[in-house]
Amino acid sequence: HELRVDDNGIGMRREVLERIFEPFFTTKEVGKGTGLGLATVWHLVTATGGVVRVSSTVGEGATFSVWLPRRPVPPGDPAPPSLPQ
């Protein structure tokens, strides 16, 4: 399954794009961000065998794609709750 998020923000320069999954890396000013959000996403997704990809063009925004592997539900596990309609 793929989860894809597109934005139309300012985009990222190559130097930033190459570092966005590093813990504590942030482009925000001091006190405005920890730099842990994308590092945490990357760790959780890859720990389950998934993949995170990102592409960005300065002035055009970014696209984040997350692929998670299918896993069979073990017998006896309860079904996940349904989302409200």
N, C-alpha and C. Protein backbone atom coordinates (compact mmCIF):
# COMPACT_ATOMS: atom_id res chain seq x y z
N HIS A 1 0.84 -1.18 0.00
CA HIS A 1 0.00 0.00 0.00
C HIS A 1 0.88 1.24 0.00
N GLU A 2 0.40 2.27 -0.65
CA GLU A 2 1.15 3.52 -0.71
C GLU A 2 0.32 4.64 -0.10
N LEU A 3 0.99 5.44 0.73
CA LEU A 3 0.42 6.68 1.24
C LEU A 3 1.25 7.79 0.60
N ARG A 4 0.59 8.70 -0.08
CA ARG A 4 1.30 9.76 -0.78
C ARG A 4 0.77 11.12 -0.33
N VAL A 5 1.70 12.02 -0.02
CA VAL A 5 1.34 13.38 0.39
C VAL A 5 2.09 14.35 -0.51
N ASP A 6 1.33 15.22 -1.18
CA ASP A 6 1.91 16.26 -2.04
C ASP A 6 1.64 17.61 -1.40
N ASP A 7 2.58 18.53 -1.55
CA ASP A 7 2.29 19.91 -1.15
C ASP A 7 2.75 20.86 -2.25
N ASN A 8 2.31 22.07 -2.17
CA ASN A 8 2.72 23.08 -3.15
C ASN A 8 3.49 24.20 -2.46
N GLY A 9 4.30 23.81 -1.48
CA GLY A 9 5.10 24.78 -0.73
C GLY A 9 6.31 25.26 -1.51
N ILE A 10 7.33 25.69 -0.77
CA ILE A 10 8.52 26.28 -1.39
C ILE A 10 9.49 25.25 -1.94
N GLY A 11 9.29 23.97 -1.60
CA GLY A 11 10.20 22.93 -2.07
C GLY A 11 11.49 22.93 -1.26
N MET A 12 12.37 21.99 -1.59
CA MET A 12 13.64 21.85 -0.86
C MET A 12 14.81 21.81 -1.82
N ARG A 13 15.87 22.50 -1.43
CA ARG A 13 17.12 22.42 -2.18
C ARG A 13 17.72 21.03 -1.98
N ARG A 14 18.55 20.61 -2.90
CA ARG A 14 19.19 19.29 -2.84
C ARG A 14 19.92 19.07 -1.51
N GLU A 15 20.62 20.10 -1.01
CA GLU A 15 21.39 19.97 0.24
C GLU A 15 20.46 19.66 1.42
N VAL A 16 19.27 20.23 1.40
CA VAL A 16 18.29 19.96 2.45
C VAL A 16 17.68 18.59 2.26
N LEU A 17 17.28 18.28 1.05
CA LEU A 17 16.65 17.01 0.72
C LEU A 17 17.52 15.83 1.14
N GLU A 18 18.83 15.96 0.98
CA GLU A 18 19.74 14.87 1.32
C GLU A 18 19.84 14.63 2.83
N ARG A 19 19.34 15.56 3.65
CA ARG A 19 19.52 15.43 5.10
C ARG A 19 18.22 15.31 5.88
N ILE A 20 17.06 15.36 5.23
CA ILE A 20 15.81 15.51 5.96
C ILE A 20 15.48 14.35 6.91
N PHE A 21 16.05 13.18 6.71
CA PHE A 21 15.76 12.06 7.61
C PHE A 21 16.79 11.92 8.72
N GLU A 22 17.76 12.83 8.79
CA GLU A 22 18.76 12.80 9.87
C GLU A 22 18.12 13.30 11.17
N PRO A 23 18.33 12.55 12.28
CA PRO A 23 17.81 13.04 13.55
C PRO A 23 18.41 14.42 13.89
N PHE A 24 17.56 15.30 14.37
CA PHE A 24 17.90 16.65 14.82
C PHE A 24 18.24 17.63 13.70
N PHE A 25 18.09 17.21 12.43
CA PHE A 25 18.28 18.16 11.34
C PHE A 25 17.00 18.95 11.16
N THR A 26 17.11 20.27 11.13
CA THR A 26 15.96 21.13 10.90
C THR A 26 16.41 22.39 10.18
N THR A 27 15.51 22.95 9.42
CA THR A 27 15.79 24.23 8.77
C THR A 27 15.10 25.36 9.53
N LYS A 28 14.41 25.00 10.61
CA LYS A 28 13.70 26.01 11.40
C LYS A 28 14.69 26.73 12.33
N GLU A 29 14.29 27.91 12.75
CA GLU A 29 15.14 28.67 13.67
C GLU A 29 15.19 27.98 15.03
N VAL A 30 16.20 28.30 15.81
CA VAL A 30 16.40 27.70 17.13
C VAL A 30 15.14 27.87 17.97
N GLY A 31 14.71 26.78 18.60
CA GLY A 31 13.54 26.80 19.44
C GLY A 31 12.22 26.55 18.72
N LYS A 32 12.26 26.42 17.40
CA LYS A 32 11.03 26.25 16.62
C LYS A 32 10.83 24.83 16.09
N GLY A 33 11.81 23.97 16.23
CA GLY A 33 11.68 22.60 15.74
C GLY A 33 12.80 21.73 16.27
N THR A 34 12.51 20.44 16.46
CA THR A 34 13.52 19.53 17.00
C THR A 34 14.24 18.74 15.92
N GLY A 35 13.64 18.63 14.74
CA GLY A 35 14.25 17.82 13.70
C GLY A 35 14.06 16.33 13.92
N LEU A 36 13.03 15.95 14.66
CA LEU A 36 12.81 14.53 14.94
C LEU A 36 11.63 13.94 14.16
N GLY A 37 10.78 14.76 13.59
CA GLY A 37 9.57 14.25 12.93
C GLY A 37 9.85 13.31 11.78
N LEU A 38 10.60 13.74 10.78
CA LEU A 38 10.86 12.89 9.61
C LEU A 38 11.81 11.74 9.95
N ALA A 39 12.72 11.96 10.90
CA ALA A 39 13.60 10.86 11.33
C ALA A 39 12.77 9.76 11.98
N THR A 40 11.76 10.14 12.76
CA THR A 40 10.89 9.17 13.40
C THR A 40 10.05 8.42 12.36
N VAL A 41 9.50 9.14 11.41
CA VAL A 41 8.72 8.50 10.34
C VAL A 41 9.60 7.49 9.61
N TRP A 42 10.79 7.90 9.21
CA TRP A 42 11.69 7.01 8.48
C TRP A 42 11.97 5.75 9.29
N HIS A 43 12.28 5.92 10.56
CA HIS A 43 12.61 4.76 11.41
C HIS A 43 11.43 3.80 11.52
N LEU A 44 10.24 4.31 11.81
CA LEU A 44 9.07 3.45 11.98
C LEU A 44 8.71 2.72 10.69
N VAL A 45 8.76 3.42 9.58
CA VAL A 45 8.40 2.80 8.30
C VAL A 45 9.42 1.74 7.91
N THR A 46 10.71 2.06 7.99
CA THR A 46 11.73 1.09 7.57
C THR A 46 11.82 -0.09 8.54
N ALA A 47 11.50 0.13 9.82
CA ALA A 47 11.52 -0.97 10.79
C ALA A 47 10.47 -2.02 10.47
N THR A 48 9.41 -1.64 9.77
CA THR A 48 8.36 -2.59 9.40
C THR A 48 8.58 -3.17 8.00
N GLY A 49 9.71 -2.82 7.39
CA GLY A 49 10.00 -3.32 6.05
C GLY A 49 9.48 -2.41 4.95
N GLY A 50 9.05 -1.22 5.32
CA GLY A 50 8.53 -0.27 4.35
C GLY A 50 9.60 0.64 3.79
N VAL A 51 9.18 1.55 2.94
CA VAL A 51 10.08 2.47 2.25
C VAL A 51 9.46 3.86 2.27
N VAL A 52 10.31 4.88 2.46
CA VAL A 52 9.90 6.27 2.36
C VAL A 52 10.69 6.90 1.23
N ARG A 53 10.00 7.56 0.32
CA ARG A 53 10.65 8.27 -0.79
C ARG A 53 10.16 9.71 -0.78
N VAL A 54 11.04 10.61 -1.16
CA VAL A 54 10.65 12.02 -1.26
C VAL A 54 11.27 12.62 -2.50
N SER A 55 10.50 13.47 -3.15
CA SER A 55 11.03 14.25 -4.26
C SER A 55 10.57 15.68 -4.07
N SER A 56 11.38 16.61 -4.52
CA SER A 56 11.03 18.01 -4.33
C SER A 56 11.72 18.85 -5.38
N THR A 57 11.03 19.91 -5.77
CA THR A 57 11.57 20.89 -6.68
C THR A 57 11.37 22.26 -6.05
N VAL A 58 12.46 23.03 -5.97
CA VAL A 58 12.36 24.36 -5.38
C VAL A 58 11.31 25.16 -6.14
N GLY A 59 10.42 25.78 -5.38
CA GLY A 59 9.36 26.58 -5.95
C GLY A 59 8.12 25.81 -6.35
N GLU A 60 8.17 24.48 -6.26
CA GLU A 60 7.03 23.66 -6.69
C GLU A 60 6.50 22.73 -5.61
N GLY A 61 7.16 22.61 -4.49
CA GLY A 61 6.67 21.74 -3.42
C GLY A 61 7.40 20.42 -3.34
N ALA A 62 6.77 19.47 -2.63
CA ALA A 62 7.38 18.17 -2.39
C ALA A 62 6.33 17.07 -2.44
N THR A 63 6.80 15.85 -2.67
CA THR A 63 5.96 14.67 -2.63
C THR A 63 6.64 13.64 -1.74
N PHE A 64 5.91 13.18 -0.74
CA PHE A 64 6.38 12.10 0.13
C PHE A 64 5.53 10.88 -0.17
N SER A 65 6.19 9.74 -0.39
CA SER A 65 5.49 8.47 -0.62
C SER A 65 5.98 7.46 0.40
N VAL A 66 5.04 6.81 1.05
CA VAL A 66 5.35 5.78 2.05
C VAL A 66 4.72 4.49 1.58
N TRP A 67 5.53 3.45 1.46
CA TRP A 67 5.05 2.12 1.10
C TRP A 67 5.20 1.23 2.31
N LEU A 68 4.12 0.57 2.69
CA LEU A 68 4.14 -0.37 3.80
C LEU A 68 3.82 -1.76 3.27
N PRO A 69 4.52 -2.78 3.80
CA PRO A 69 4.27 -4.13 3.31
C PRO A 69 2.92 -4.65 3.82
N ARG A 70 2.33 -5.52 3.02
CA ARG A 70 1.11 -6.21 3.47
C ARG A 70 1.51 -7.28 4.47
N ARG A 71 0.77 -7.36 5.52
CA ARG A 71 1.01 -8.39 6.52
C ARG A 71 -0.30 -9.12 6.79
N PRO A 72 -0.28 -10.44 6.76
CA PRO A 72 -1.50 -11.15 7.08
C PRO A 72 -1.86 -10.95 8.56
N VAL A 73 -3.14 -10.92 8.86
CA VAL A 73 -3.59 -10.81 10.24
C VAL A 73 -3.56 -12.20 10.84
N PRO A 74 -2.80 -12.39 11.93
CA PRO A 74 -2.75 -13.72 12.56
C PRO A 74 -4.12 -14.16 13.05
N PRO A 75 -4.42 -15.46 12.96
CA PRO A 75 -5.71 -15.96 13.45
C PRO A 75 -5.89 -15.58 14.92
N GLY A 76 -7.10 -15.16 15.26
CA GLY A 76 -7.39 -14.80 16.64
C GLY A 76 -7.17 -13.32 16.95
N ASP A 77 -6.47 -12.59 16.08
CA ASP A 77 -6.28 -11.15 16.31
C ASP A 77 -7.60 -10.43 16.01
N PRO A 78 -7.95 -9.48 16.86
CA PRO A 78 -9.19 -8.75 16.58
C PRO A 78 -9.06 -7.90 15.33
N ALA A 79 -10.17 -7.68 14.66
CA ALA A 79 -10.18 -6.81 13.48
C ALA A 79 -9.96 -5.37 13.92
N PRO A 80 -9.28 -4.57 13.11
CA PRO A 80 -9.09 -3.15 13.46
C PRO A 80 -10.43 -2.44 13.48
N PRO A 81 -10.57 -1.41 14.31
CA PRO A 81 -11.85 -0.69 14.35
C PRO A 81 -12.15 -0.01 13.02
N SER A 82 -13.42 0.11 12.71
CA SER A 82 -13.84 0.80 11.49
C SER A 82 -13.76 2.30 11.70
N LEU A 83 -13.47 3.02 10.63
CA LEU A 83 -13.48 4.48 10.71
C LEU A 83 -14.90 4.98 10.65
N PRO A 84 -15.19 6.05 11.37
CA PRO A 84 -16.55 6.60 11.31
C PRO A 84 -16.87 7.09 9.89
N GLN A 85 -18.10 6.96 9.50
CA GLN A 85 -18.52 7.39 8.16
C GLN A 85 -18.77 8.86 8.12
